Amino acid sequence: MREAGHDRGSQGALAAHRRDHGAGDGIAAASLNPKPRNFKAPAADWKNGNTEEGILKTINEGIPGTGMVSFKSLGADNVKEIAKYVRHLATAK
């Protein structure tokens, strides 16, 4: 499952967050303000929390005033796989 989410991320999101570890320091991050989410940040720092449900909300709705746009157009199954992958990155040691 994690591999599916890894492969389904949009190129823009991957450029912002970095596919391999999600530190928010991808090649596009330097031009974004506020900076992209570091998936290792504490749950309290996440706008909608770092639960799978909170991540789904963020991916589906985006976060106004940031570079995080809605990716709902990727389809429910793809968004769910991406959310699972982001959650994996958030909790991996």
Protein backbone atom coordinates (compact mmCIF):
# COMPACT_ATOMS: atom_id res chain seq x y z
CA MET A 1 0.00 0.00 0.00
CA ARG A 2 2.68 2.50 0.90
CA GLU A 3 4.30 1.97 -2.48
CA ALA A 4 1.00 2.78 -4.19
CA GLY A 5 0.71 6.11 -2.34
CA HIS A 6 4.35 6.80 -3.08
CA ASP A 7 3.74 6.35 -6.80
CA ARG A 8 0.47 8.30 -6.95
CA GLY A 9 1.62 11.62 -5.54
CA SER A 10 1.42 14.59 -7.88
CA GLN A 11 4.68 15.97 -9.21
CA GLY A 12 4.01 19.32 -7.50
CA ALA A 13 3.50 17.73 -4.10
CA LEU A 14 6.56 15.56 -4.55
CA ALA A 15 8.62 18.61 -5.49
CA ALA A 16 7.49 20.38 -2.32
CA HIS A 17 7.62 17.58 0.24
CA ARG A 18 10.20 15.15 -1.21
CA ARG A 19 9.05 11.68 -2.10
CA ASP A 20 11.61 9.75 -0.08
CA HIS A 21 11.18 11.22 3.40
CA GLY A 22 8.66 14.08 3.34
CA ALA A 23 10.80 16.69 5.09
CA GLY A 24 9.20 19.59 3.18
CA ASP A 25 12.52 20.43 1.55
CA GLY A 26 11.91 19.33 -2.03
CA ILE A 27 13.17 21.38 -4.96
CA ALA A 28 10.02 23.56 -5.04
CA ALA A 29 10.08 24.30 -1.30
CA ALA A 30 12.46 27.25 -1.54
CA SER A 31 9.91 29.25 -3.53
CA LEU A 32 6.94 28.53 -1.25
CA ASN A 33 5.80 30.65 1.70
CA PRO A 34 4.74 29.22 4.04
CA LYS A 35 7.10 26.28 3.62
CA PRO A 36 5.64 22.84 2.89
CA ARG A 37 4.80 20.55 5.81
CA ASN A 38 7.60 18.46 7.23
CA PHE A 39 5.79 15.17 7.73
CA LYS A 40 7.95 14.47 10.81
CA ALA A 41 6.62 17.57 12.60
CA PRO A 42 4.59 17.02 15.79
CA ALA A 43 0.87 16.40 15.26
CA ALA A 44 0.01 19.74 16.90
CA ASP A 45 1.83 21.55 14.07
CA TRP A 46 -0.41 20.02 11.38
CA LYS A 47 -3.41 22.14 10.34
CA ASN A 48 -5.77 19.15 10.30
CA GLY A 49 -3.70 16.76 12.41
CA ASN A 50 -1.49 13.88 11.25
CA THR A 51 -4.14 11.17 11.47
CA GLU A 52 -5.21 9.50 8.24
CA GLU A 53 -8.52 11.39 8.49
CA GLY A 54 -6.78 14.75 8.95
CA ILE A 55 -4.41 14.06 6.08
CA LEU A 56 -7.35 13.08 3.84
CA LYS A 57 -9.05 16.38 4.71
CA THR A 58 -5.92 18.34 3.81
CA ILE A 59 -5.38 16.50 0.52
CA ASN A 60 -9.03 16.80 -0.49
CA GLU A 61 -9.59 20.42 0.55
CA GLY A 62 -6.13 21.99 0.43
CA ILE A 63 -5.15 24.73 2.88
CA PRO A 64 -6.16 28.26 1.81
CA GLY A 65 -3.35 30.82 1.84
CA THR A 66 -0.65 28.21 1.26
CA GLY A 67 0.79 26.26 -1.64
CA MET A 68 -1.26 23.24 -0.51
CA VAL A 69 -4.02 23.04 -3.10
CA SER A 70 -6.75 20.42 -3.25
CA PHE A 71 -5.77 17.16 -4.92
CA LYS A 72 -9.32 15.79 -4.86
CA SER A 73 -9.17 15.57 -8.66
CA LEU A 74 -6.80 12.60 -8.31
CA GLY A 75 -9.79 10.50 -7.25
CA ALA A 76 -10.81 9.02 -3.92
CA ASP A 77 -8.76 5.82 -4.22
CA ASN A 78 -5.56 7.66 -5.14
CA VAL A 79 -6.06 10.26 -2.41
CA LYS A 80 -6.57 7.49 0.16
CA GLU A 81 -3.33 5.76 -0.91
CA ILE A 82 -1.43 9.05 -0.77
CA ALA A 83 -2.83 9.76 2.72
CA LYS A 84 -1.68 6.34 3.89
CA TYR A 85 1.79 7.01 2.49
CA VAL A 86 1.97 10.45 4.15
CA ARG A 87 0.90 8.85 7.43
CA HIS A 88 3.62 6.24 6.99
CA LEU A 89 6.21 9.00 6.48
CA ALA A 90 4.89 10.85 9.54
CA THR A 91 5.27 7.83 11.81
CA ALA A 92 8.36 6.11 10.36
CA LYS A 93 11.41 6.23 12.58
